[in-house]
Protein backbone atom coordinates (compact mmCIF):
# COMPACT_ATOMS: atom_id res chain seq x y z
CA MET A 1 60.98 46.90 -75.59
CA LYS A 2 59.97 44.55 -72.79
CA ARG A 3 57.01 45.47 -70.60
CA ARG A 4 57.45 45.00 -66.87
CA PHE A 5 54.61 44.23 -64.44
CA PRO A 6 54.32 46.68 -61.56
CA THR A 7 55.77 45.31 -58.35
CA ALA A 8 52.48 45.89 -56.51
CA LEU A 9 50.58 43.74 -59.01
CA VAL A 10 53.06 40.89 -58.52
CA PHE A 11 52.52 41.00 -54.77
CA VAL A 12 48.73 40.94 -55.24
CA VAL A 13 48.92 37.87 -57.48
CA VAL A 14 51.18 36.06 -55.01
CA ALA A 15 48.85 36.88 -52.12
CA VAL A 16 45.79 35.59 -54.00
CA VAL A 17 47.55 32.34 -54.90
CA PHE A 18 48.72 31.85 -51.32
CA ALA A 19 45.21 32.43 -49.96
CA PHE A 20 43.74 29.98 -52.47
CA VAL A 21 46.24 27.29 -51.54
CA SER A 22 45.58 27.90 -47.85
CA LEU A 23 41.85 27.39 -48.38
CA LEU A 24 42.46 24.12 -50.19
CA ALA A 25 44.67 22.86 -47.40
CA CYS A 26 42.39 23.88 -44.52
CA GLY A 27 40.35 20.68 -44.74
CA ALA A 28 43.33 18.58 -43.62
CA ALA A 29 44.37 20.55 -40.56
CA GLU A 30 46.63 18.73 -38.12
CA ARG A 31 45.10 18.00 -34.73
CA PRO A 32 46.92 18.18 -31.39
CA ASP A 33 46.81 14.37 -31.18
CA GLY A 34 48.90 14.15 -34.36
CA GLY A 35 46.04 13.13 -36.66
CA GLN A 36 44.74 15.12 -39.61
CA GLY A 37 41.25 16.11 -40.63
CA LEU A 38 38.06 15.56 -38.68
CA LEU A 39 38.24 13.44 -35.55
CA PRO A 40 37.16 9.96 -36.73
CA VAL A 41 34.47 7.65 -35.41
CA GLY A 42 35.77 5.59 -32.47
CA ALA A 43 38.34 8.18 -31.37
CA PRO A 44 38.21 9.43 -27.77
CA ALA A 45 36.67 12.88 -27.54
CA PRO A 46 39.20 15.52 -26.42
CA ASP A 47 39.04 16.74 -22.83
CA VAL A 48 38.43 20.40 -23.65
CA PHE A 49 36.52 23.14 -21.87
CA ALA A 50 35.26 26.63 -22.65
CA ALA A 51 32.97 29.36 -21.33
CA ASP A 52 29.40 29.49 -22.59
CA GLN A 53 27.23 32.54 -23.32
CA HIS A 54 26.67 33.08 -19.57
CA GLY A 55 30.35 32.78 -18.65
CA ALA A 56 29.93 29.32 -17.08
CA ILE A 57 32.73 26.84 -17.80
CA GLN A 58 31.61 23.73 -19.69
CA ARG A 59 33.98 20.74 -19.72
CA LEU A 60 33.29 17.95 -22.19
CA SER A 61 34.50 15.16 -19.88
CA ASP A 62 31.89 16.19 -17.28
CA GLN A 63 29.20 14.81 -19.60
CA ARG A 64 30.25 11.15 -19.32
CA GLY A 65 27.28 8.85 -18.96
CA ARG A 66 25.14 10.68 -21.50
CA ALA A 67 25.32 11.30 -25.23
CA VAL A 68 26.68 14.68 -26.29
CA VAL A 69 26.13 16.65 -29.50
CA VAL A 70 28.89 19.13 -30.36
CA TYR A 71 27.94 21.17 -33.39
CA PHE A 72 30.37 23.67 -34.90
CA TYR A 73 28.91 26.56 -36.90
CA PRO A 74 30.43 29.54 -38.74
CA LYS A 75 28.95 32.66 -37.14
CA ASP A 76 26.23 34.00 -34.86
CA GLY A 77 23.25 35.58 -36.59
CA THR A 78 23.81 34.34 -40.14
CA PRO A 79 20.77 32.72 -41.82
CA GLY A 80 22.04 29.13 -41.86
CA CYS A 81 23.44 29.28 -38.32
CA THR A 82 20.22 30.81 -37.00
CA GLU A 83 18.14 28.11 -38.67
CA GLU A 84 20.35 25.38 -37.21
CA ALA A 85 20.33 26.85 -33.69
CA CYS A 86 16.55 27.29 -33.72
CA ALA A 87 16.09 23.69 -34.89
CA PHE A 88 18.07 22.47 -31.86
CA ARG A 89 16.08 24.87 -29.67
CA ASP A 90 12.75 23.51 -30.92
CA ALA A 91 13.89 19.93 -30.26
CA TRP A 92 15.56 20.73 -26.91
CA ASP A 93 12.89 19.13 -24.72
CA ARG A 94 13.16 15.90 -26.70
CA PHE A 95 16.96 15.94 -26.37
CA LYS A 96 16.58 16.25 -22.60
CA GLN A 97 14.09 13.36 -22.52
CA ALA A 98 16.64 11.21 -24.37
CA ASN A 99 19.43 12.27 -21.92
CA VAL A 100 21.43 14.09 -24.58
CA GLN A 101 23.46 17.28 -24.01
CA VAL A 102 23.90 19.81 -26.85
CA PHE A 103 26.82 22.23 -27.25
CA GLY A 104 27.08 24.80 -30.03
CA VAL A 105 30.60 26.07 -30.79
CA SER A 106 31.87 28.98 -32.87
CA ALA A 107 34.71 31.51 -32.86
CA ASP A 108 32.43 34.39 -31.82
CA THR A 109 32.89 36.26 -28.53
CA ARG A 110 30.90 35.62 -25.37
CA GLU A 111 29.04 38.90 -25.88
CA SER A 112 28.05 37.84 -29.38
CA HIS A 113 26.90 34.44 -28.10
CA GLU A 114 24.89 36.06 -25.32
CA ALA A 115 23.06 38.36 -27.73
CA PHE A 116 22.46 35.51 -30.18
CA ALA A 117 21.13 33.18 -27.48
CA THR A 118 18.90 35.89 -25.99
CA GLU A 119 17.41 36.92 -29.32
CA HIS A 120 16.48 33.36 -30.29
CA ARG A 121 15.84 31.98 -26.77
CA LEU A 122 18.48 29.27 -27.02
CA PRO A 123 18.26 27.01 -23.93
CA PHE A 124 21.53 25.10 -24.44
CA PRO A 125 25.15 26.28 -24.05
CA ILE A 126 26.97 27.83 -26.99
CA LEU A 127 30.69 27.89 -26.34
CA VAL A 128 33.29 30.58 -26.92
CA ASP A 129 36.17 29.23 -29.03
CA THR A 130 37.96 32.40 -30.08
CA ASP A 131 41.34 30.65 -29.80
CA HIS A 132 40.06 27.64 -31.84
CA THR A 133 40.94 25.12 -29.11
CA TRP A 134 37.81 23.05 -29.72
CA ALA A 135 38.00 23.39 -33.50
CA ASN A 136 41.64 22.24 -33.56
CA ALA A 137 40.99 19.35 -31.16
CA PHE A 138 38.15 18.04 -33.34
CA GLY A 139 39.99 18.78 -36.59
CA VAL A 140 37.36 21.26 -37.79
CA PRO A 141 38.72 23.35 -40.67
CA MET A 142 38.67 27.14 -40.61
CA ARG A 143 37.42 29.02 -43.64
CA LEU A 144 38.14 32.73 -43.82
CA GLY A 145 38.32 32.93 -40.03
CA THR A 146 35.11 30.98 -39.40
CA MET A 147 34.55 27.32 -38.56
CA ALA A 148 33.13 24.82 -41.00
CA ARG A 149 29.63 23.53 -40.27
CA VAL A 150 30.18 20.03 -38.86
CA THR A 151 28.69 18.06 -35.96
CA PHE A 152 30.05 15.29 -33.72
CA LEU A 153 27.92 12.84 -31.75
CA ILE A 154 29.75 11.49 -28.70
CA ASP A 155 28.57 8.35 -26.91
CA PRO A 156 28.16 8.01 -23.11
CA ASP A 157 31.68 6.48 -22.88
CA GLY A 158 33.25 9.61 -24.36
CA LYS A 159 34.01 8.29 -27.86
CA VAL A 160 32.99 9.74 -31.22
CA ALA A 161 29.97 7.78 -32.44
CA LYS A 162 29.20 9.70 -35.62
CA VAL A 163 30.44 12.67 -37.65
CA TYR A 164 28.15 14.87 -39.74
CA PRO A 165 30.03 17.07 -42.25
CA ASP A 166 28.22 19.61 -44.47
CA VAL A 167 24.89 19.28 -42.68
CA ASP A 168 21.49 20.64 -43.74
CA PRO A 169 20.68 23.16 -40.95
CA GLY A 170 16.91 22.73 -41.29
CA VAL A 171 16.65 18.97 -40.63
CA HIS A 172 19.94 18.31 -38.87
CA ALA A 173 18.63 18.42 -35.29
CA ASP A 174 16.03 15.69 -35.92
CA ASP A 175 18.59 13.46 -37.65
CA VAL A 176 21.03 13.75 -34.75
CA LEU A 177 18.29 13.14 -32.18
CA LYS A 178 17.40 9.80 -33.78
CA ASP A 179 21.01 8.62 -33.63
CA ALA A 180 21.57 9.98 -30.11
CA ALA A 181 18.47 8.25 -28.72
CA GLN A 182 19.83 4.92 -29.95
CA LEU A 183 23.07 5.52 -28.03
CA THR A 184 21.28 6.18 -24.75
CA GLY A 185 18.72 3.42 -25.24
CA ALA A 186 15.90 5.94 -24.81
CA ALA A 187 12.70 5.73 -26.80
CA LEU A 188 12.70 8.41 -29.49
CA PRO A 189 10.68 11.29 -28.03
CA VAL A 190 7.79 12.33 -30.26
CA ALA A 191 7.48 15.95 -31.27
CA PRO A 192 4.37 17.56 -29.77
CA ALA A 193 1.54 18.14 -32.22
CA ALA A 194 0.88 21.72 -33.22
CA PRO A 195 -2.22 23.20 -31.52
CA GLY A 196 -5.33 22.69 -33.64
CA SER A 197 -3.58 20.33 -36.04
CA ALA A 198 -5.67 17.26 -35.18
CA ALA A 199 -8.99 17.37 -36.98
CA PRO A 200 -11.92 15.39 -35.47
CA ALA A 201 -12.44 12.09 -37.23
CA GLU A 202 -15.62 11.76 -39.28
CA THR A 203 -17.97 8.98 -38.25
CA ASP A 204 -20.21 6.82 -40.40
CA PRO A 205 -23.79 6.97 -39.12
CA ALA A 206 -24.28 3.32 -40.13
CA ALA A 207 -21.06 2.10 -38.51
CA PRO A 208 -21.05 0.58 -35.02
CA GLY A 209 -20.51 3.37 -32.53
CA GLY A 210 -21.05 5.98 -35.24
CA ALA A 211 -23.45 8.89 -35.08
CA GLY A 212 -27.01 7.58 -35.15
CA ALA A 213 -26.01 4.02 -34.20
CA PRO A 214 -26.97 2.55 -30.83
CA GLY A 215 -24.37 3.72 -28.32
CA GLY A 216 -22.73 5.94 -30.98
CA ALA A 217 -21.70 9.55 -30.72
CA GLY A 218 -25.03 10.75 -32.07
CA ALA A 219 -27.22 8.26 -30.16
CA ALA A 220 -29.34 9.47 -27.30
CA PRO A 221 -28.11 8.33 -23.86
CA ALA A 222 -29.91 5.54 -22.08
CA GLY A 223 -33.19 6.77 -20.68
CA ALA A 224 -33.28 9.83 -22.93
CA ALA A 225 -36.05 10.35 -25.40
CA ALA A 226 -35.55 10.21 -29.08
CA PRO A 227 -36.32 13.46 -30.88
CA GLY A 228 -40.05 13.92 -31.33
CA SER A 229 -41.12 11.27 -28.74
CA ALA A 230 -42.89 11.79 -25.42
CA THR A 231 -40.67 12.66 -22.51
CA PRO A 232 -40.29 9.58 -20.26
CA VAL A 233 -40.49 9.74 -16.49
CA ALA A 234 -37.16 9.18 -14.77
CA THR A 235 -36.90 6.07 -12.61
CA GLY A 236 -37.83 6.71 -8.97
CA THR A 237 -39.84 9.87 -9.65
CA MET A 238 -43.33 10.01 -8.14
CA LEU A 239 -46.15 10.49 -10.59
CA PRO A 240 -48.57 13.37 -9.94
CA PRO A 241 -52.03 12.30 -8.73
CA ALA A 242 -54.49 11.52 -11.49
CA ALA A 243 -57.24 14.07 -12.14
CA PRO A 244 -60.71 13.00 -10.78
CA ALA A 245 -63.01 11.35 -13.29
CA ALA A 246 -65.81 13.48 -14.72
CA PRO A 247 -69.33 12.68 -13.33
CA PRO A 248 -71.58 10.71 -15.68
CA ALA A 249 -73.86 12.80 -17.82
CA LYS A 250 -77.52 13.02 -16.76
CA ARG A 251 -80.02 11.41 -19.08
């Protein structure tokens, strides 16, 4: 007697296979310009726009004349996405010094972006791409409804200068800043030192300028007395009158 698989089980197997195949194919999504996969280096950046966490409209073509970082991330509030956003936040002043604009992009809602930006004090725009317009234009694949983590660096002429797939969220911001500063011709801004991190340098008492050496940190200033010596009279100070001499002793 032949055993038959339940119809429901057959449908489940077909659905799993279809989902697996869809995931494999998502890395080669077709872009609106007819290309496939991530937008390549040298390609013109798409003229797209979207609302940020405050509801303001941000258009990519309005940023001509400066370098632009567009980083796609999967979801607000997840550990890796939070680490990446905070790394860009901590480097934000240096990005501004180098004349570089930063845009974060995900498929989350404006309300989600607003809460995420408020909680972590994000100073740059994070864009609402619920309809995947930006993701499709840049060829960013979707994985289970979320965007892959990939960054594009756009030069001041509006062309893709570099693509960063599968980035390390912790060090990514610094890596992009180095490349972006080269595009704008700006000197790489130095990260400010942490308060109290610089320890005072030790000096050699025998070295020139050292403690205990003439003119060194430990030497007494000109005109000052060395420890244990008589106190000198400052220049220009009148001396007190001398005490009268004692009369000679009678013989």
